[in-house]
Amino acid sequence: MEYLIAFVVGGLVCVVGQLLLDVGKLTPAHVMSTLVVAGVFLDFIGVYDKFIDFAGAGATVPITSFGHSLYHGAISEAEQHGFIGVATGIFEVTSAGISAAIAFGFFASLIFKPKG
C-alpha cells in the first residue's frame, strides 16, 4: 500500500505542475519556482513532515521536497550560527543534489546534441 500511496501522491504533485503549465500558462521556470516555494511554505506551517510520513517517496521525490530541504537547512543553521547560517545551511543540506544535477547535466551535454 505504501507504494501505491507514494505513486498517487507523487503523481498528484506532477498533475498540479502540469495544470500550472497548461491552465495557468506559466513557464516551466515559474512552475518549478512555485513548487519549491510551496514546499517551503508547507514546511513553514508544519505540514510537510506529516506529508512525508503519509506519502513517503511521493513527497520526498518531487521538487517540493527541495524547498522542504532548503528550509530545513536554513532554519537549523540559523539557530546555530545566526544570519550567516541561513546561507550556509541552504547549501549544506542540498549540496549533494545540486552537485549531482550539475554533473549529470554536464555528462548529458557531452552525449547528446542540443537543438537550436
PDB file of N, CA and C in Angstrom:
ATOM      1  N   MET A   1       0.823  -1.204   0.000  1.00  0.00           N
ATOM      2  CA  MET A   1       0.000   0.000   0.000  1.00  0.00           C
ATOM      3  C   MET A   1       0.864   1.264   0.000  1.00  0.00           C
ATOM      4  N   GLU A   2       2.050   1.177   0.639  1.00  0.00           N
ATOM      5  CA  GLU A   2       2.942   2.347   0.680  1.00  0.00           C
ATOM      6  C   GLU A   2       3.337   2.792  -0.728  1.00  0.00           C
ATOM      7  N   TYR A   3       3.580   1.808  -1.600  1.00  0.00           N
ATOM      8  CA  TYR A   3       3.988   2.138  -2.970  1.00  0.00           C
ATOM      9  C   TYR A   3       2.858   2.832  -3.729  1.00  0.00           C
ATOM     10  N   LEU A   4       1.658   2.363  -3.530  1.00  0.00           N
ATOM     11  CA  LEU A   4       0.506   2.965  -4.195  1.00  0.00           C
ATOM     12  C   LEU A   4       0.291   4.404  -3.734  1.00  0.00           C
ATOM     13  N   ILE A   5       0.384   4.624  -2.427  1.00  0.00           N
ATOM     14  CA  ILE A   5       0.222   5.979  -1.892  1.00  0.00           C
ATOM     15  C   ILE A   5       1.313   6.900  -2.433  1.00  0.00           C
ATOM     16  N   ALA A   6       2.560   6.413  -2.435  1.00  0.00           N
ATOM     17  CA  ALA A   6       3.666   7.225  -2.951  1.00  0.00           C
ATOM     18  C   ALA A   6       3.450   7.549  -4.428  1.00  0.00           C
ATOM     19  N   PHE A   7       3.008   6.559  -5.190  1.00  0.00           N
ATOM     20  CA  PHE A   7       2.767   6.760  -6.622  1.00  0.00           C
ATOM     21  C   PHE A   7       1.665   7.791  -6.857  1.00  0.00           C
ATOM     22  N   VAL A   8       0.567   7.655  -6.135  1.00  0.00           N
ATOM     23  CA  VAL A   8      -0.575   8.559  -6.325  1.00  0.00           C
ATOM     24  C   VAL A   8      -0.219   9.979  -5.888  1.00  0.00           C
ATOM     25  N   VAL A   9       0.421  10.121  -4.730  1.00  0.00           N
ATOM     26  CA  VAL A   9       0.760  11.459  -4.235  1.00  0.00           C
ATOM     27  C   VAL A   9       1.793  12.127  -5.131  1.00  0.00           C
ATOM     28  N   GLY A  10       2.827  11.390  -5.529  1.00  0.00           N
ATOM     29  CA  GLY A  10       3.820  11.954  -6.450  1.00  0.00           C
ATOM     30  C   GLY A  10       3.187  12.350  -7.768  1.00  0.00           C
ATOM     31  N   GLY A  11       2.261  11.522  -8.241  1.00  0.00           N
ATOM     32  CA  GLY A  11       1.539  11.844  -9.471  1.00  0.00           C
ATOM     33  C   GLY A  11       0.682  13.084  -9.330  1.00  0.00           C
ATOM     34  N   LEU A  12       0.052  13.246  -8.158  1.00  0.00           N
ATOM     35  CA  LEU A  12      -0.764  14.440  -7.935  1.00  0.00           C
ATOM     36  C   LEU A  12       0.081  15.710  -7.909  1.00  0.00           C
ATOM     37  N   VAL A  13       1.285  15.618  -7.362  1.00  0.00           N
ATOM     38  CA  VAL A  13       2.186  16.779  -7.393  1.00  0.00           C
ATOM     39  C   VAL A  13       2.518  17.125  -8.846  1.00  0.00           C
ATOM     40  N   CYS A  14       2.747  16.099  -9.652  1.00  0.00           N
ATOM     41  CA  CYS A  14       3.021  16.333 -11.071  1.00  0.00           C
ATOM     42  C   CYS A  14       1.797  16.899 -11.793  1.00  0.00           C
ATOM     43  N   VAL A  15       0.600  16.447 -11.417  1.00  0.00           N
ATOM     44  CA  VAL A  15      -0.632  16.982 -12.010  1.00  0.00           C
ATOM     45  C   VAL A  15      -0.767  18.471 -11.695  1.00  0.00           C
ATOM     46  N   VAL A  16      -0.456  18.836 -10.462  1.00  0.00           N
ATOM     47  CA  VAL A  16      -0.506  20.262 -10.094  1.00  0.00           C
ATOM     48  C   VAL A  16       0.461  21.060 -10.972  1.00  0.00           C
ATOM     49  N   GLY A  17       1.671  20.542 -11.147  1.00  0.00           N
ATOM     50  CA  GLY A  17       2.645  21.217 -12.005  1.00  0.00           C
ATOM     51  C   GLY A  17       2.162  21.332 -13.440  1.00  0.00           C
ATOM     52  N   GLN A  18       1.556  20.252 -13.957  1.00  0.00           N
ATOM     53  CA  GLN A  18       1.057  20.281 -15.330  1.00  0.00           C
ATOM     54  C   GLN A  18      -0.113  21.251 -15.480  1.00  0.00           C
ATOM     55  N   LEU A  19      -0.971  21.311 -14.470  1.00  0.00           N
ATOM     56  CA  LEU A  19      -2.077  22.273 -14.518  1.00  0.00           C
ATOM     57  C   LEU A  19      -1.566  23.709 -14.494  1.00  0.00           C
ATOM     58  N   LEU A  20      -0.520  23.947 -13.717  1.00  0.00           N
ATOM     59  CA  LEU A  20       0.069  25.292 -13.709  1.00  0.00           C
ATOM     60  C   LEU A  20       0.619  25.649 -15.085  1.00  0.00           C
ATOM     61  N   LEU A  21       1.172  24.654 -15.772  1.00  0.00           N
ATOM     62  CA  LEU A  21       1.684  24.898 -17.129  1.00  0.00           C
ATOM     63  C   LEU A  21       0.552  25.139 -18.121  1.00  0.00           C
ATOM     64  N   ASP A  22      -0.436  24.240 -18.109  1.00  0.00           N
ATOM     65  CA  ASP A  22      -1.485  24.281 -19.137  1.00  0.00           C
ATOM     66  C   ASP A  22      -2.560  25.322 -18.870  1.00  0.00           C
ATOM     67  N   VAL A  23      -3.107  25.325 -17.673  1.00  0.00           N
ATOM     68  CA  VAL A  23      -4.213  26.224 -17.350  1.00  0.00           C
ATOM     69  C   VAL A  23      -3.692  27.594 -16.914  1.00  0.00           C
ATOM     70  N   GLY A  24      -2.662  27.584 -16.086  1.00  0.00           N
ATOM     71  CA  GLY A  24      -2.112  28.838 -15.589  1.00  0.00           C
ATOM     72  C   GLY A  24      -1.218  29.551 -16.573  1.00  0.00           C
ATOM     73  N   LYS A  25      -0.865  28.845 -17.669  1.00  0.00           N
ATOM     74  CA  LYS A  25       0.004  29.415 -18.713  1.00  0.00           C
ATOM     75  C   LYS A  25       1.333  29.930 -18.144  1.00  0.00           C
ATOM     76  N   LEU A  26       1.847  29.253 -17.115  1.00  0.00           N
ATOM     77  CA  LEU A  26       3.138  29.624 -16.546  1.00  0.00           C
ATOM     78  C   LEU A  26       4.257  28.938 -17.315  1.00  0.00           C
ATOM     79  N   THR A  27       5.420  29.514 -17.278  1.00  0.00           N
ATOM     80  CA  THR A  27       6.577  28.892 -17.901  1.00  0.00           C
ATOM     81  C   THR A  27       7.093  27.777 -16.986  1.00  0.00           C
ATOM     82  N   PRO A  28       7.888  26.845 -17.518  1.00  0.00           N
ATOM     83  CA  PRO A  28       8.449  25.794 -16.660  1.00  0.00           C
ATOM     84  C   PRO A  28       9.257  26.351 -15.482  1.00  0.00           C
ATOM     85  N   ALA A  29       9.957  27.446 -15.696  1.00  0.00           N
ATOM     86  CA  ALA A  29      10.722  28.049 -14.600  1.00  0.00           C
ATOM     87  C   ALA A  29       9.805  28.581 -13.504  1.00  0.00           C
ATOM     88  N   HIS A  30       8.685  29.176 -13.900  1.00  0.00           N
ATOM     89  CA  HIS A  30       7.720  29.675 -12.917  1.00  0.00           C
ATOM     90  C   HIS A  30       7.085  28.523 -12.140  1.00  0.00           C
ATOM     91  N   VAL A  31       6.787  27.425 -12.831  1.00  0.00           N
ATOM     92  CA  VAL A  31       6.184  26.271 -12.166  1.00  0.00           C
ATOM     93  C   VAL A  31       7.177  25.676 -11.164  1.00  0.00           C
ATOM     94  N   MET A  32       8.428  25.530 -11.580  1.00  0.00           N
ATOM     95  CA  MET A  32       9.440  24.984 -10.686  1.00  0.00           C
ATOM     96  C   MET A  32       9.600  25.867  -9.450  1.00  0.00           C
ATOM     97  N   SER A  33       9.687  27.151  -9.658  1.00  0.00           N
ATOM     98  CA  SER A  33       9.823  28.078  -8.527  1.00  0.00           C
ATOM     99  C   SER A  33       8.602  28.032  -7.618  1.00  0.00           C
ATOM    100  N   THR A  34       7.426  27.942  -8.207  1.00  0.00           N
ATOM    101  CA  THR A  34       6.193  27.877  -7.427  1.00  0.00           C
ATOM    102  C   THR A  34       6.155  26.620  -6.559  1.00  0.00           C
ATOM    103  N   LEU A  35       6.553  25.491  -7.118  1.00  0.00           N
ATOM    104  CA  LEU A  35       6.534  24.244  -6.356  1.00  0.00           C
ATOM    105  C   LEU A  35       7.596  24.237  -5.248  1.00  0.00           C
ATOM    106  N   VAL A  36       8.752  24.828  -5.505  1.00  0.00           N
ATOM    107  CA  VAL A  36       9.773  24.929  -4.460  1.00  0.00           C
ATOM    108  C   VAL A  36       9.268  25.810  -3.321  1.00  0.00           C
ATOM    109  N   VAL A  37       8.689  26.949  -3.662  1.00  0.00           N
ATOM    110  CA  VAL A  37       8.149  27.850  -2.640  1.00  0.00           C
ATOM    111  C   VAL A  37       6.994  27.184  -1.893  1.00  0.00           C
ATOM    112  N   ALA A  38       6.187  26.392  -2.593  1.00  0.00           N
ATOM    113  CA  ALA A  38       5.100  25.661  -1.930  1.00  0.00           C
ATOM    114  C   ALA A  38       5.666  24.684  -0.902  1.00  0.00           C
ATOM    115  N   GLY A  39       6.780  24.018  -1.247  1.00  0.00           N
ATOM    116  CA  GLY A  39       7.426  23.119  -0.288  1.00  0.00           C
ATOM    117  C   GLY A  39       7.939  23.860   0.931  1.00  0.00           C
ATOM    118  N   VAL A  40       8.499  25.037   0.719  1.00  0.00           N
ATOM    119  CA  VAL A  40       8.968  25.861   1.839  1.00  0.00           C
ATOM    120  C   VAL A  40       7.785  26.285   2.702  1.00  0.00           C
ATOM    121  N   PHE A  41       6.730  26.742   2.069  1.00  0.00           N
ATOM    122  CA  PHE A  41       5.558  27.210   2.814  1.00  0.00           C
ATOM    123  C   PHE A  41       4.925  26.079   3.623  1.00  0.00           C
ATOM    124  N   LEU A  42       4.768  24.917   2.992  1.00  0.00           N
ATOM    125  CA  LEU A  42       4.176  23.781   3.710  1.00  0.00           C
ATOM    126  C   LEU A  42       5.041  23.346   4.887  1.00  0.00           C
ATOM    127  N   ASP A  43       6.355  23.466   4.751  1.00  0.00           N
ATOM    128  CA  ASP A  43       7.239  23.144   5.865  1.00  0.00           C
ATOM    129  C   ASP A  43       7.165  24.217   6.943  1.00  0.00           C
ATOM    130  N   PHE A  44       7.047  25.469   6.527  1.00  0.00           N
ATOM    131  CA  PHE A  44       6.956  26.582   7.469  1.00  0.00           C
ATOM    132  C   PHE A  44       5.729  26.452   8.370  1.00  0.00           C
ATOM    133  N   ILE A  45       4.610  26.025   7.800  1.00  0.00           N
ATOM    134  CA  ILE A  45       3.393  25.888   8.613  1.00  0.00           C
ATOM    135  C   ILE A  45       3.314  24.526   9.309  1.00  0.00           C
ATOM    136  N   GLY A  46       4.340  23.695   9.117  1.00  0.00           N
ATOM    137  CA  GLY A  46       4.432  22.439   9.845  1.00  0.00           C
ATOM    138  C   GLY A  46       3.685  21.265   9.246  1.00  0.00           C
ATOM    139  N   VAL A  47       3.380  21.334   7.958  1.00  0.00           N
ATOM    140  CA  VAL A  47       2.595  20.283   7.319  1.00  0.00           C
ATOM    141  C   VAL A  47       3.464  19.292   6.545  1.00  0.00           C
ATOM    142  N   TYR A  48       4.608  19.731   6.026  1.00  0.00           N
ATOM    143  CA  TYR A  48       5.357  18.893   5.086  1.00  0.00           C
ATOM    144  C   TYR A  48       5.920  17.629   5.730  1.00  0.00           C
ATOM    145  N   ASP A  49       6.358  17.691   6.963  1.00  0.00           N
ATOM    146  CA  ASP A  49       6.862  16.479   7.617  1.00  0.00           C
ATOM    147  C   ASP A  49       5.752  15.440   7.778  1.00  0.00           C
ATOM    148  N   LYS A  50       4.547  15.878   8.084  1.00  0.00           N
ATOM    149  CA  LYS A  50       3.409  14.959   8.159  1.00  0.00           C
ATOM    150  C   LYS A  50       3.077  14.405   6.777  1.00  0.00           C
ATOM    151  N   PHE A  51       3.237  15.241   5.760  1.00  0.00           N
ATOM    152  CA  PHE A  51       3.031  14.831   4.376  1.00  0.00           C
ATOM    153  C   PHE A  51       4.031  13.729   3.992  1.00  0.00           C
ATOM    154  N   ILE A  52       5.286  13.878   4.404  1.00  0.00           N
ATOM    155  CA  ILE A  52       6.305  12.863   4.139  1.00  0.00           C
ATOM    156  C   ILE A  52       5.978  11.572   4.886  1.00  0.00           C
ATOM    157  N   ASP A  53       5.541  11.684   6.133  1.00  0.00           N
ATOM    158  CA  ASP A  53       5.168  10.489   6.894  1.00  0.00           C
ATOM    159  C   ASP A  53       4.039   9.725   6.199  1.00  0.00           C
ATOM    160  N   PHE A  54       3.113  10.439   5.596  1.00  0.00           N
ATOM    161  CA  PHE A  54       1.996   9.801   4.910  1.00  0.00           C
ATOM    162  C   PHE A  54       2.405   9.245   3.550  1.00  0.00           C
ATOM    163  N   ALA A  55       3.092  10.064   2.745  1.00  0.00           N
ATOM    164  CA  ALA A  55       3.313   9.719   1.340  1.00  0.00           C
ATOM    165  C   ALA A  55       4.673   9.114   1.044  1.00  0.00           C
ATOM    166  N   GLY A  56       5.625   9.175   1.952  1.00  0.00           N
ATOM    167  CA  GLY A  56       6.947   8.603   1.696  1.00  0.00           C
ATOM    168  C   GLY A  56       7.616   9.232   0.493  1.00  0.00           C
ATOM    169  N   ALA A  57       8.018   8.380  -0.463  1.00  0.00           N
ATOM    170  CA  ALA A  57       8.719   8.865  -1.649  1.00  0.00           C
ATOM    171  C   ALA A  57       7.853   9.769  -2.510  1.00  0.00           C
ATOM    172  N   GLY A  58       6.544   9.650  -2.389  1.00  0.00           N
ATOM    173  CA  GLY A  58       5.653  10.542  -3.134  1.00  0.00           C
ATOM    174  C   GLY A  58       5.787  11.989  -2.707  1.00  0.00           C
ATOM    175  N   ALA A  59       6.341  12.198  -1.512  1.00  0.00           N
ATOM    176  CA  ALA A  59       6.557  13.556  -1.019  1.00  0.00           C
ATOM    177  C   ALA A  59       8.029  13.952  -1.027  1.00  0.00           C
ATOM    178  N   THR A  60       8.933  12.987  -1.054  1.00  0.00           N
ATOM    179  CA  THR A  60      10.357  13.320  -0.998  1.00  0.00           C
ATOM    180  C   THR A  60      11.013  13.409  -2.370  1.00  0.00           C
ATOM    181  N   VAL A  61      10.395  12.850  -3.403  1.00  0.00           N
ATOM    182  CA  VAL A  61      10.993  12.875  -4.729  1.00  0.00           C
ATOM    183  C   VAL A  61      10.663  14.142  -5.519  1.00  0.00           C
ATOM    184  N   PRO A  62       9.424  14.652  -5.500  1.00  0.00           N
ATOM    185  CA  PRO A  62       9.120  15.847  -6.310  1.00  0.00           C
ATOM    186  C   PRO A  62       9.894  17.094  -5.862  1.00  0.00           C
ATOM    187  N   ILE A  63       9.843  18.104  -6.682  1.00  0.00           N
ATOM    188  CA  ILE A  63      10.595  19.342  -6.454  1.00  0.00           C
ATOM    189  C   ILE A  63      10.162  20.061  -5.179  1.00  0.00           C
ATOM    190  N   THR A  64       8.954  19.796  -4.700  1.00  0.00           N
ATOM    191  CA  THR A  64       8.518  20.415  -3.453  1.00  0.00           C
ATOM    192  C   THR A  64       9.418  20.013  -2.289  1.00  0.00           C
ATOM    193  N   SER A  65       9.979  18.820  -2.361  1.00  0.00           N
ATOM    194  CA  SER A  65      10.885  18.356  -1.310  1.00  0.00           C
ATOM    195  C   SER A  65      12.182  19.161  -1.293  1.00  0.00           C
ATOM    196  N   PHE A  66      12.577  19.706  -2.446  1.00  0.00           N
ATOM    197  CA  PHE A  66      13.767  20.550  -2.486  1.00  0.00           C
ATOM    198  C   PHE A  66      13.541  21.809  -1.657  1.00  0.00           C
ATOM    199  N   GLY A  67      12.361  22.388  -1.765  1.00  0.00           N
ATOM    200  CA  GLY A  67      12.021  23.544  -0.931  1.00  0.00           C
ATOM    201  C   GLY A  67      12.017  23.175   0.538  1.00  0.00           C
ATOM    202  N   HIS A  68      11.472  22.011   0.846  1.00  0.00           N
ATOM    203  CA  HIS A  68      11.470  21.497   2.219  1.00  0.00           C
ATOM    204  C   HIS A  68      12.906  21.377   2.749  1.00  0.00           C
ATOM    205  N   SER A  69      13.804  20.834   1.944  1.00  0.00           N
ATOM    206  CA  SER A  69      15.210  20.682   2.348  1.00  0.00           C
ATOM    207  C   SER A  69      15.898  22.035   2.524  1.00  0.00           C
ATOM    208  N   LEU A  70      15.624  22.962   1.617  1.00  0.00           N
ATOM    209  CA  LEU A  70      16.213  24.299   1.738  1.00  0.00           C
ATOM    210  C   LEU A  70      15.793  24.954   3.048  1.00  0.00           C
ATOM    211  N   TYR A  71      14.521  24.850   3.366  1.00  0.00           N
ATOM    212  CA  TYR A  71      14.003  25.467   4.588  1.00  0.00           C
ATOM    213  C   TYR A  71      14.620  24.816   5.825  1.00  0.00           C
ATOM    214  N   HIS A  72      14.673  23.487   5.841  1.00  0.00           N
ATOM    215  CA  HIS A  72      15.256  22.794   6.996  1.00  0.00           C
ATOM    216  C   HIS A  72      16.719  23.178   7.209  1.00  0.00           C
ATOM    217  N   GLY A  73      17.479  23.225   6.124  1.00  0.00           N
ATOM    218  CA  GLY A  73      18.883  23.594   6.236  1.00  0.00           C
ATOM    219  C   GLY A  73      19.066  25.014   6.728  1.00  0.00           C
ATOM    220  N   ALA A  74      18.280  25.926   6.186  1.00  0.00           N
ATOM    221  CA  ALA A  74      18.398  27.331   6.579  1.00  0.00           C
ATOM    222  C   ALA A  74      18.035  27.531   8.040  1.00  0.00           C
ATOM    223  N   ILE A  75      16.956  26.906   8.493  1.00  0.00           N
ATOM    224  CA  ILE A  75      16.498  27.102   9.872  1.00  0.00           C
ATOM    225  C   ILE A  75      17.464  26.472  10.870  1.00  0.00           C
ATOM    226  N   SER A  76      17.920  25.254  10.578  1.00  0.00           N
ATOM    227  CA  SER A  76      18.814  24.596  11.542  1.00  0.00           C
ATOM    228  C   SER A  76      20.142  25.335  11.685  1.00  0.00           C
ATOM    229  N   GLU A  77      20.689  25.816  10.599  1.00  0.00           N
ATOM    230  CA  GLU A  77      21.952  26.556  10.678  1.00  0.00           C
ATOM    231  C   GLU A  77      21.747  27.964  11.237  1.00  0.00           C
ATOM    232  N   ALA A  78      20.601  28.581  10.973  1.00  0.00           N
ATOM    233  CA  ALA A  78      20.322  29.910  11.525  1.00  0.00           C
ATOM    234  C   ALA A  78      20.233  29.853  13.044  1.00  0.00           C
ATOM    235  N   GLU A  79      19.693  28.768  13.579  1.00  0.00           N
ATOM    236  CA  GLU A  79      19.615  28.614  15.036  1.00  0.00           C
ATOM    237  C   GLU A  79      20.995  28.502  15.664  1.00  0.00           C
ATOM    238  N   GLN A  80      21.951  27.913  14.935  1.00  0.00           N
ATOM    239  CA  GLN A  80      23.296  27.725  15.468  1.00  0.00           C
ATOM    240  C   GLN A  80      24.226  28.894  15.183  1.00  0.00           C
ATOM    241  N   HIS A  81      24.138  29.453  13.972  1.00  0.00           N
ATOM    242  CA  HIS A  81      25.122  30.450  13.535  1.00  0.00           C
ATOM    243  C   HIS A  81      24.533  31.812  13.185  1.00  0.00           C
ATOM    244  N   GLY A  82      23.265  32.006  13.397  1.00  0.00           N
ATOM    245  CA  GLY A  82      22.659  33.296  13.108  1.00  0.00           C
ATOM    246  C   GLY A  82      22.398  33.497  11.634  1.00  0.00           C
ATOM    247  N   PHE A  83      22.442  34.756  11.217  1.00  0.00           N
ATOM    248  CA  PHE A  83      22.065  35.126   9.856  1.00  0.00           C
ATOM    249  C   PHE A  83      22.936  34.446   8.808  1.00  0.00           C
ATOM    250  N   ILE A  84      24.239  34.348   9.042  1.00  0.00           N
ATOM    251  CA  ILE A  84      25.133  33.718   8.064  1.00  0.00           C
ATOM    252  C   ILE A  84      24.805  32.236   7.910  1.00  0.00           C
ATOM    253  N   GLY A  85      24.226  31.631   8.938  1.00  0.00           N
ATOM    254  CA  GLY A  85      23.841  30.227   8.871  1.00  0.00           C
ATOM    255  C   GLY A  85      22.742  29.955   7.868  1.00  0.00           C
ATOM    256  N   VAL A  86      21.929  30.962   7.580  1.00  0.00           N
ATOM    257  CA  VAL A  86      20.863  30.783   6.588  1.00  0.00           C
ATOM    258  C   VAL A  86      21.480  30.438   5.238  1.00  0.00           C
ATOM    259  N   ALA A  87      22.471  31.184   4.814  1.00  0.00           N
ATOM    260  CA  ALA A  87      23.104  30.944   3.519  1.00  0.00           C
ATOM    261  C   ALA A  87      23.892  29.638   3.497  1.00  0.00           C
ATOM    262  N   THR A  88      24.615  29.359   4.551  1.00  0.00           N
ATOM    263  CA  THR A  88      25.414  28.129   4.556  1.00  0.00           C
ATOM    264  C   THR A  88      24.538  26.895   4.731  1.00  0.00           C
ATOM    265  N   GLY A  89      23.473  27.007   5.487  1.00  0.00           N
ATOM    266  CA  GLY A  89      22.595  25.867   5.723  1.00  0.00           C
ATOM    267  C   GLY A  89      21.860  25.408   4.482  1.00  0.00           C
ATOM    268  N   ILE A  90      21.509  26.353   3.630  1.00  0.00           N
ATOM    269  CA  ILE A  90      20.822  26.004   2.388  1.00  0.00           C
ATOM    270  C   ILE A  90      21.692  25.077   1.558  1.00  0.00           C
ATOM    271  N   PHE A  91      22.963  25.390   1.451  1.00  0.00           N
ATOM    272  CA  PHE A  91      23.849  24.581   0.621  1.00  0.00           C
ATOM    273  C   PHE A  91      24.329  23.322   1.322  1.00  0.00           C
ATOM    274  N   GLU A  92      24.378  23.349   2.640  1.00  0.00           N
ATOM    275  CA  GLU A  92      24.835  22.170   3.378  1.00  0.00           C
ATOM    276  C   GLU A  92      23.895  20.991   3.170  1.00  0.00           C
ATOM    277  N   VAL A  93      22.608  21.227   3.212  1.00  0.00           N
ATOM    278  CA  VAL A  93      21.627  20.150   3.101  1.00  0.00           C
ATOM    279  C   VAL A  93      21.416  19.730   1.647  1.00  0.00           C
ATOM    280  N   THR A  94      21.489  20.653   0.714  1.00  0.00           N
ATOM    281  CA  THR A  94      21.136  20.353  -0.673  1.00  0.00           C
ATOM    282  C   THR A  94      22.331  20.194  -1.611  1.00  0.00           C
ATOM    283  N   SER A  95      23.534  20.259  -1.087  1.00  0.00           N
ATOM    284  CA  SER A  95      24.712  20.249  -1.956  1.00  0.00           C
ATOM    285  C   SER A  95      24.852  18.968  -2.773  1.00  0.00           C
ATOM    286  N   ALA A  96      24.492  17.823  -2.228  1.00  0.00           N
ATOM    287  CA  ALA A  96      24.606  16.572  -2.988  1.00  0.00           C
ATOM    288  C   ALA A  96      23.679  16.591  -4.199  1.00  0.00           C
ATOM    289  N   GLY A  97      22.446  17.036  -4.022  1.00  0.00           N
ATOM    290  CA  GLY A  97      21.506  17.099  -5.142  1.00  0.00           C
ATOM    291  C   GLY A  97      21.922  18.112  -6.186  1.00  0.00           C
ATOM    292  N   ILE A  98      22.405  19.263  -5.735  1.00  0.00           N
ATOM    293  CA  ILE A  98      22.850  20.289  -6.677  1.00  0.00           C
ATOM    294  C   ILE A  98      24.072  19.803  -7.454  1.00  0.00           C
ATOM    295  N   SER A  99      25.017  19.176  -6.766  1.00  0.00           N
ATOM    296  CA  SER A  99      26.218  18.646  -7.429  1.00  0.00           C
ATOM    297  C   SER A  99      25.863  17.561  -8.429  1.00  0.00           C
ATOM    298  N   ALA A 100      24.936  16.686  -8.068  1.00  0.00           N
ATOM    299  CA  ALA A 100      24.513  15.625  -8.992  1.00  0.00           C
ATOM    300  C   ALA A 100      23.856  16.218 -10.231  1.00  0.00           C
ATOM    301  N   ALA A 101      23.025  17.232 -10.057  1.00  0.00           N
ATOM    302  CA  ALA A 101      22.368  17.861 -11.204  1.00  0.00           C
ATOM    303  C   ALA A 101      23.389  18.492 -12.142  1.00  0.00           C
ATOM    304  N   ILE A 102      24.398  19.129 -11.585  1.00  0.00           N
ATOM    305  CA  ILE A 102      25.446  19.736 -12.419  1.00  0.00           C
ATOM    306  C   ILE A 102      26.235  18.664 -13.152  1.00  0.00           C
ATOM    307  N   ALA A 103      26.634  17.612 -12.439  1.00  0.00           N
ATOM    308  CA  ALA A 103      27.435  16.548 -13.055  1.00  0.00           C
ATOM    309  C   ALA A 103      26.649  15.827 -14.142  1.00  0.00           C
ATOM    310  N   PHE A 104      25.399  15.436 -13.852  1.00  0.00           N
ATOM    311  CA  PHE A 104      24.606  14.729 -14.854  1.00  0.00           C
ATOM    312  C   PHE A 104      24.281  15.625 -16.044  1.00  0.00           C
ATOM    313  N   GLY A 105      24.055  16.907 -15.796  1.00  0.00           N
ATOM    314  CA  GLY A 105      23.832  17.836 -16.892  1.00  0.00           C
ATOM    315  C   GLY A 105      25.058  17.963 -17.787  1.00  0.00           C
ATOM    316  N   PHE A 106      26.235  17.978 -17.178  1.00  0.00           N
ATOM    317  CA  PHE A 106      27.475  18.049 -17.945  1.00  0.00           C
ATOM    318  C   PHE A 106      27.655  16.805 -18.801  1.00  0.00           C
ATOM    319  N   PHE A 107      27.468  15.625 -18.186  1.00  0.00           N
ATOM    320  CA  PHE A 107      27.638  14.380 -18.939  1.00  0.00           C
ATOM    321  C   PHE A 107      26.595  14.250 -20.048  1.00  0.00           C
ATOM    322  N   ALA A 108      25.392  14.693 -19.802  1.00  0.00           N
ATOM    323  CA  ALA A 108      24.358  14.658 -20.840  1.00  0.00           C
ATOM    324  C   ALA A 108      24.733  15.579 -21.991  1.00  0.00           C
ATOM    325  N   SER A 109      25.360  16.707 -21.691  1.00  0.00           N
ATOM    326  CA  SER A 109      25.756  17.635 -22.754  1.00  0.00           C
ATOM    327  C   SER A 109      26.873  17.056 -23.614  1.00  0.00           C
ATOM    328  N   LEU A 110      27.661  16.148 -23.055  1.00  0.00           N
ATOM    329  CA  LEU A 110      28.711  15.503 -23.841  1.00  0.00           C
ATOM    330  C   LEU A 110      28.146  14.433 -24.769  1.00  0.00           C
ATOM    331  N   ILE A 111      27.066  13.818 -24.349  1.00  0.00           N
ATOM    332  CA  ILE A 111      26.495  12.701 -25.106  1.00  0.00           C
ATOM    333  C   ILE A 111      25.486  13.162 -26.149  1.00  0.00           C
ATOM    334  N   PHE A 112      24.617  14.103 -25.778  1.00  0.00           N
ATOM    335  CA  PHE A 112      23.525  14.500 -26.668  1.00  0.00           C
ATOM    336  C   PHE A 112      23.805  15.844 -27.325  1.00  0.00           C
ATOM    337  N   LYS A 113      23.277  16.004 -28.523  1.00  0.00           N
ATOM    338  CA  LYS A 113      23.444  17.241 -29.268  1.00  0.00           C
ATOM    339  C   LYS A 113      22.246  18.154 -29.000  1.00  0.00           C
ATOM    340  N   PRO A 114      22.484  19.386 -28.567  1.00  0.00           N
ATOM    341  CA  PRO A 114      21.355  20.279 -28.283  1.00  0.00           C
ATOM    342  C   PRO A 114      20.668  20.728 -29.563  1.00  0.00           C
ATOM    343  N   LYS A 115      19.372  20.971 -29.440  1.00  0.00           N
ATOM    344  CA  LYS A 115      18.611  21.509 -30.572  1.00  0.00           C
ATOM    345  C   LYS A 115      18.658  23.027 -30.503  1.00  0.00           C
ATOM    346  N   GLY A 116      18.697  23.660 -31.615  1.00  0.00           N
ATOM    347  CA  GLY A 116      18.616  25.100 -31.506  1.00  0.00           C
ATOM    348  C   GLY A 116      19.344  25.779 -32.544  1.00  0.00           C
TER     349      GLY A 116
END
